[in-house]
Amino acid sequence: MAEFSKNPDRFDPYKNFKFRVKWDGRYVAGVSSVSALSRSTEVVEHREGGDPNTVHKSPGQTTFEPITLERGVTHDKAFEQWANKSFNHGAGLGSEVSLGDLRKPIIIELMNVAGQIVIRYNLTRCWVSEYQALPDLDAGDNSIAIQTLTLEHEGFQRDYALSEPEQPTYEKPEG
């Protein structure tokens, strides 16, 4: 059976370098890295008293690992404004945490090399647990200043309504 339904001649998997992150209805500028989406389900072992040689296993609680977003430092305030929802230094006693809009859904889209969205994941009830506004600064270094945002979430789900796009083909010019 072909791996790709609309593009049966395709054999190579999608690359990991074309993606976008979206929240509040807009794409977040400059995101250069997103850590892996992963979950783990605890294994609950139990046995019956009359059957001491067999241990049965069943699924227990499922946890979702936090994800980390990285991007180069810019004038876009999206990372910092969301990070300030979980702790805003100097906001005043009782106002440091913005519980009303602390959590939000985010969308991660993977694209093929032609820029077509091929896979989309929706993450639920995300909130910022860690924020790095600036990296270590070093006058002798020659690299991009990177901000990081660690997001806790309560699950992710693939958008199965998004179907595989027809991949463009290019004909060789004559002559």
C-alpha atoms as a PDB file:
ATOM      1  CA  MET A   1       0.000   0.000   0.000  1.00  0.00           C
ATOM      2  CA  ALA A   2       1.280   3.468  -0.878  1.00  0.00           C
ATOM      3  CA  GLU A   3       2.277   5.717   2.009  1.00  0.00           C
ATOM      4  CA  PHE A   4       0.807   8.734   0.238  1.00  0.00           C
ATOM      5  CA  SER A   5      -2.718   8.407  -1.147  1.00  0.00           C
ATOM      6  CA  LYS A   6      -2.735  11.368  -3.546  1.00  0.00           C
ATOM      7  CA  ASN A   7       0.953  11.144  -4.440  1.00  0.00           C
ATOM      8  CA  PRO A   8       1.637   7.389  -4.791  1.00  0.00           C
ATOM      9  CA  ASP A   9       5.070   7.926  -6.374  1.00  0.00           C
ATOM     10  CA  ARG A  10       6.290   9.736  -3.259  1.00  0.00           C
ATOM     11  CA  PHE A  11       8.461   7.647  -0.945  1.00  0.00           C
ATOM     12  CA  ASP A  12      10.344  10.176   1.150  1.00  0.00           C
ATOM     13  CA  PRO A  13       8.916  11.373   4.480  1.00  0.00           C
ATOM     14  CA  TYR A  14       8.331  15.037   5.234  1.00  0.00           C
ATOM     15  CA  LYS A  15      11.249  17.185   6.361  1.00  0.00           C
ATOM     16  CA  ASN A  16      11.298  18.826   9.787  1.00  0.00           C
ATOM     17  CA  PHE A  17      12.456  22.309   8.783  1.00  0.00           C
ATOM     18  CA  LYS A  18       9.247  23.829   7.364  1.00  0.00           C
ATOM     19  CA  PHE A  19       6.654  24.572  10.022  1.00  0.00           C
ATOM     20  CA  ARG A  20       4.608  27.353  11.600  1.00  0.00           C
ATOM     21  CA  VAL A  21       3.147  28.002  15.038  1.00  0.00           C
ATOM     22  CA  LYS A  22      -0.128  29.858  15.468  1.00  0.00           C
ATOM     23  CA  TRP A  23      -1.970  31.291  18.463  1.00  0.00           C
ATOM     24  CA  ASP A  24      -4.543  34.017  18.910  1.00  0.00           C
ATOM     25  CA  GLY A  25      -5.451  33.657  15.229  1.00  0.00           C
ATOM     26  CA  ARG A  26      -2.021  34.642  13.901  1.00  0.00           C
ATOM     27  CA  TYR A  27       1.287  33.018  13.076  1.00  0.00           C
ATOM     28  CA  VAL A  28       4.055  33.718  15.571  1.00  0.00           C
ATOM     29  CA  ALA A  29       7.026  35.444  13.946  1.00  0.00           C
ATOM     30  CA  GLY A  30      10.458  33.871  13.796  1.00  0.00           C
ATOM     31  CA  VAL A  31       9.927  30.510  15.511  1.00  0.00           C
ATOM     32  CA  SER A  32      12.998  28.468  14.540  1.00  0.00           C
ATOM     33  CA  SER A  33      12.568  25.378  16.720  1.00  0.00           C
ATOM     34  CA  VAL A  34       9.733  23.409  18.309  1.00  0.00           C
ATOM     35  CA  SER A  35      10.544  20.484  20.583  1.00  0.00           C
ATOM     36  CA  ALA A  36       8.879  17.108  20.026  1.00  0.00           C
ATOM     37  CA  LEU A  37       5.216  16.437  20.743  1.00  0.00           C
ATOM     38  CA  SER A  38       5.119  13.448  23.039  1.00  0.00           C
ATOM     39  CA  ARG A  39       2.930  11.768  25.587  1.00  0.00           C
ATOM     40  CA  SER A  40       3.381   8.848  27.934  1.00  0.00           C
ATOM     41  CA  THR A  41       0.869   6.617  29.634  1.00  0.00           C
ATOM     42  CA  GLU A  42       1.676   5.127  33.003  1.00  0.00           C
ATOM     43  CA  VAL A  43       1.585   1.344  33.154  1.00  0.00           C
ATOM     44  CA  VAL A  44      -0.522  -0.040  36.001  1.00  0.00           C
ATOM     45  CA  GLU A  45       0.434  -3.580  36.951  1.00  0.00           C
ATOM     46  CA  HIS A  46      -1.925  -5.890  38.798  1.00  0.00           C
ATOM     47  CA  ARG A  47      -2.349  -9.561  39.342  1.00  0.00           C
ATOM     48  CA  GLU A  48      -5.004 -11.909  40.534  1.00  0.00           C
ATOM     49  CA  GLY A  49      -4.427 -13.669  43.838  1.00  0.00           C
ATOM     50  CA  GLY A  50      -5.049 -17.083  42.336  1.00  0.00           C
ATOM     51  CA  ASP A  51      -2.586 -16.510  39.490  1.00  0.00           C
ATOM     52  CA  PRO A  52       0.701 -15.400  41.109  1.00  0.00           C
ATOM     53  CA  ASN A  53       2.873 -16.028  38.043  1.00  0.00           C
ATOM     54  CA  THR A  54       1.152 -13.582  35.689  1.00  0.00           C
ATOM     55  CA  VAL A  55       1.227  -9.832  35.949  1.00  0.00           C
ATOM     56  CA  HIS A  56      -1.457  -8.019  33.967  1.00  0.00           C
ATOM     57  CA  LYS A  57      -0.818  -4.543  32.615  1.00  0.00           C
ATOM     58  CA  SER A  58      -3.316  -1.806  31.874  1.00  0.00           C
ATOM     59  CA  PRO A  59      -3.067   1.879  30.968  1.00  0.00           C
ATOM     60  CA  GLY A  60      -3.070   4.450  33.771  1.00  0.00           C
ATOM     61  CA  GLN A  61      -2.717   8.215  33.685  1.00  0.00           C
ATOM     62  CA  THR A  62      -1.447   9.904  30.535  1.00  0.00           C
ATOM     63  CA  THR A  63       0.861  12.892  30.721  1.00  0.00           C
ATOM     64  CA  PHE A  64       1.867  15.239  27.927  1.00  0.00           C
ATOM     65  CA  GLU A  65       5.432  16.489  27.857  1.00  0.00           C
ATOM     66  CA  PRO A  66       5.879  20.263  27.671  1.00  0.00           C
ATOM     67  CA  ILE A  67       7.069  21.736  24.391  1.00  0.00           C
ATOM     68  CA  THR A  68       9.705  24.396  23.947  1.00  0.00           C
ATOM     69  CA  LEU A  69       9.557  27.058  21.255  1.00  0.00           C
ATOM     70  CA  GLU A  70      12.666  28.975  20.236  1.00  0.00           C
ATOM     71  CA  ARG A  71      13.042  32.042  18.109  1.00  0.00           C
ATOM     72  CA  GLY A  72      15.477  34.844  17.498  1.00  0.00           C
ATOM     73  CA  VAL A  73      14.969  37.950  19.602  1.00  0.00           C
ATOM     74  CA  THR A  74      12.873  40.520  17.711  1.00  0.00           C
ATOM     75  CA  HIS A  75      10.562  43.427  18.530  1.00  0.00           C
ATOM     76  CA  ASP A  76       7.552  41.059  18.419  1.00  0.00           C
ATOM     77  CA  LYS A  77       6.219  40.922  21.978  1.00  0.00           C
ATOM     78  CA  ALA A  78       4.110  37.726  21.627  1.00  0.00           C
ATOM     79  CA  PHE A  79       6.427  35.469  23.684  1.00  0.00           C
ATOM     80  CA  GLU A  80       6.872  37.973  26.510  1.00  0.00           C
ATOM     81  CA  GLN A  81       3.227  39.023  26.671  1.00  0.00           C
ATOM     82  CA  TRP A  82       2.084  35.421  27.024  1.00  0.00           C
ATOM     83  CA  ALA A  83       4.853  34.654  29.550  1.00  0.00           C
ATOM     84  CA  ASN A  84       3.676  37.628  31.629  1.00  0.00           C
ATOM     85  CA  LYS A  85       0.255  35.977  31.989  1.00  0.00           C
ATOM     86  CA  SER A  86       1.753  33.345  34.332  1.00  0.00           C
ATOM     87  CA  PHE A  87       3.892  35.838  36.260  1.00  0.00           C
ATOM     88  CA  ASN A  88       4.054  39.573  35.693  1.00  0.00           C
ATOM     89  CA  HIS A  89       6.683  41.063  37.967  1.00  0.00           C
ATOM     90  CA  GLY A  90       5.552  44.331  39.470  1.00  0.00           C
ATOM     91  CA  ALA A  91       1.876  43.862  38.618  1.00  0.00           C
ATOM     92  CA  GLY A  92       0.871  44.192  42.252  1.00  0.00           C
ATOM     93  CA  LEU A  93      -0.211  41.791  44.946  1.00  0.00           C
ATOM     94  CA  GLY A  94      -2.769  39.322  43.609  1.00  0.00           C
ATOM     95  CA  SER A  95      -2.341  40.520  40.015  1.00  0.00           C
ATOM     96  CA  GLU A  96       0.849  38.665  39.105  1.00  0.00           C
ATOM     97  CA  VAL A  97      -1.074  35.840  37.396  1.00  0.00           C
ATOM     98  CA  SER A  98      -3.717  36.483  34.743  1.00  0.00           C
ATOM     99  CA  LEU A  99      -5.985  33.470  35.258  1.00  0.00           C
ATOM    100  CA  GLY A 100      -8.675  34.641  32.822  1.00  0.00           C
ATOM    101  CA  ASP A 101      -6.459  34.381  29.731  1.00  0.00           C
ATOM    102  CA  LEU A 102      -3.482  32.353  30.959  1.00  0.00           C
ATOM    103  CA  ARG A 103      -4.316  29.327  28.778  1.00  0.00           C
ATOM    104  CA  LYS A 104      -4.795  29.250  25.034  1.00  0.00           C
ATOM    105  CA  PRO A 105      -4.878  26.728  22.228  1.00  0.00           C
ATOM    106  CA  ILE A 106      -1.995  26.658  19.783  1.00  0.00           C
ATOM    107  CA  ILE A 107      -1.593  25.099  16.363  1.00  0.00           C
ATOM    108  CA  ILE A 108       1.562  23.566  14.926  1.00  0.00           C
ATOM    109  CA  GLU A 109       1.619  23.077  11.161  1.00  0.00           C
ATOM    110  CA  LEU A 110       4.140  20.982   9.256  1.00  0.00           C
ATOM    111  CA  MET A 111       4.634  21.852   5.586  1.00  0.00           C
ATOM    112  CA  ASN A 112       6.181  20.046   2.658  1.00  0.00           C
ATOM    113  CA  VAL A 113       9.077  21.633   0.781  1.00  0.00           C
ATOM    114  CA  ALA A 114       6.588  23.325  -1.574  1.00  0.00           C
ATOM    115  CA  GLY A 115       5.071  25.161   1.427  1.00  0.00           C
ATOM    116  CA  GLN A 116       1.766  23.229   1.503  1.00  0.00           C
ATOM    117  CA  ILE A 117       0.404  22.344   4.938  1.00  0.00           C
ATOM    118  CA  VAL A 118       0.547  18.556   5.263  1.00  0.00           C
ATOM    119  CA  ILE A 119       0.028  17.905   8.989  1.00  0.00           C
ATOM    120  CA  ARG A 120      -1.591  20.034  11.675  1.00  0.00           C
ATOM    121  CA  TYR A 121      -1.687  19.457  15.437  1.00  0.00           C
ATOM    122  CA  ASN A 122      -3.934  21.317  17.854  1.00  0.00           C
ATOM    123  CA  LEU A 123      -2.682  21.660  21.429  1.00  0.00           C
ATOM    124  CA  THR A 124      -5.165  22.404  24.210  1.00  0.00           C
ATOM    125  CA  ARG A 125      -5.014  24.595  27.292  1.00  0.00           C
ATOM    126  CA  CYS A 126      -1.398  25.700  26.853  1.00  0.00           C
ATOM    127  CA  TRP A 127       0.312  28.026  29.314  1.00  0.00           C
ATOM    128  CA  VAL A 128       3.856  29.279  29.805  1.00  0.00           C
ATOM    129  CA  SER A 129       5.840  27.528  32.528  1.00  0.00           C
ATOM    130  CA  GLU A 130       9.262  28.874  31.586  1.00  0.00           C
ATOM    131  CA  TYR A 131      10.433  31.921  29.651  1.00  0.00           C
ATOM    132  CA  GLN A 132      13.939  32.953  28.676  1.00  0.00           C
ATOM    133  CA  ALA A 133      13.916  36.556  27.479  1.00  0.00           C
ATOM    134  CA  LEU A 134      17.595  36.681  26.543  1.00  0.00           C
ATOM    135  CA  PRO A 135      20.312  34.044  26.206  1.00  0.00           C
ATOM    136  CA  ASP A 136      23.769  34.330  27.698  1.00  0.00           C
ATOM    137  CA  LEU A 137      25.329  37.362  26.047  1.00  0.00           C
ATOM    138  CA  ASP A 138      28.926  37.127  24.877  1.00  0.00           C
ATOM    139  CA  ALA A 139      30.807  39.846  22.984  1.00  0.00           C
ATOM    140  CA  GLY A 140      33.135  37.190  21.523  1.00  0.00           C
ATOM    141  CA  ASP A 141      30.321  35.056  20.128  1.00  0.00           C
ATOM    142  CA  ASN A 142      28.815  35.315  16.669  1.00  0.00           C
ATOM    143  CA  SER A 143      25.335  33.818  16.944  1.00  0.00           C
ATOM    144  CA  ILE A 144      21.670  34.760  17.055  1.00  0.00           C
ATOM    145  CA  ALA A 145      20.137  35.810  20.376  1.00  0.00           C
ATOM    146  CA  ILE A 146      17.435  33.207  21.086  1.00  0.00           C
ATOM    147  CA  GLN A 147      14.296  33.475  23.256  1.00  0.00           C
ATOM    148  CA  THR A 148      12.657  30.322  24.580  1.00  0.00           C
ATOM    149  CA  LEU A 149       9.149  29.609  25.761  1.00  0.00           C
ATOM    150  CA  THR A 150       8.244  26.342  27.502  1.00  0.00           C
ATOM    151  CA  LEU A 151       4.571  25.471  27.237  1.00  0.00           C
ATOM    152  CA  GLU A 152       2.636  23.077  29.415  1.00  0.00           C
ATOM    153  CA  HIS A 153      -0.460  21.652  27.760  1.00  0.00           C
ATOM    154  CA  GLU A 154      -3.225  19.173  28.369  1.00  0.00           C
ATOM    155  CA  GLY A 155      -3.041  17.273  25.138  1.00  0.00           C
ATOM    156  CA  PHE A 156      -2.608  17.391  21.396  1.00  0.00           C
ATOM    157  CA  GLN A 157      -4.701  16.077  18.567  1.00  0.00           C
ATOM    158  CA  ARG A 158      -3.938  15.732  14.899  1.00  0.00           C
ATOM    159  CA  ASP A 159      -6.345  17.509  12.566  1.00  0.00           C
ATOM    160  CA  TYR A 160      -7.524  14.587  10.429  1.00  0.00           C
ATOM    161  CA  ALA A 161      -9.748  16.913   8.386  1.00  0.00           C
ATOM    162  CA  LEU A 162      -6.562  18.178   6.706  1.00  0.00           C
ATOM    163  CA  SER A 163      -5.975  15.869   3.775  1.00  0.00           C
ATOM    164  CA  GLU A 164      -2.821  15.219   1.833  1.00  0.00           C
ATOM    165  CA  PRO A 165      -2.349  17.965  -0.785  1.00  0.00           C
ATOM    166  CA  GLU A 166      -1.697  17.286  -4.425  1.00  0.00           C
ATOM    167  CA  GLN A 167       1.973  17.897  -4.887  1.00  0.00           C
ATOM    168  CA  PRO A 168       2.949  20.211  -7.704  1.00  0.00           C
ATOM    169  CA  THR A 169       4.834  18.739 -10.638  1.00  0.00           C
ATOM    170  CA  TYR A 170       7.045  20.702 -12.907  1.00  0.00           C
ATOM    171  CA  GLU A 171       7.455  19.857 -16.517  1.00  0.00           C
ATOM    172  CA  LYS A 172      10.822  20.173 -18.136  1.00  0.00           C
ATOM    173  CA  PRO A 173      10.867  23.094 -20.570  1.00  0.00           C
ATOM    174  CA  GLU A 174      11.238  22.146 -24.200  1.00  0.00           C
ATOM    175  CA  GLY A 175      14.271  23.110 -26.123  1.00  0.00           C
END
